[in-house]
Amino acid sequence: MRLALICLTWQVLASQDSLRDEEPTSFTDRAFDNAMNQASASAYECYNNLLFRDVLKHGFYDLIRARDVCRSAMSA
């Protein structure tokens, strides 16, 4: 359910052309970019080692947490 809601949200956002297409310039942008890269690299490493529970943790939950932290930092 949670994944379906996130996919629907991204489809709506992608259709609106409201996403930025520039390099990260602020601290929050760079921190979010770094968190996404770390989570992706961890998920890739776990997938290669067949640790599927950890792939889910890094590939989904850590990315969602990074998004939520960035969202709260941008609204403050």
Foldseek 3Di string as FASTA:
>chain_A
DVVVVVVVVVVVVVVVPPDDDDDDDDPLSVQLVVQLVVLVVQLVVCVVVVVVVSNCCSVPVSNVVSVVVSVVVVVD
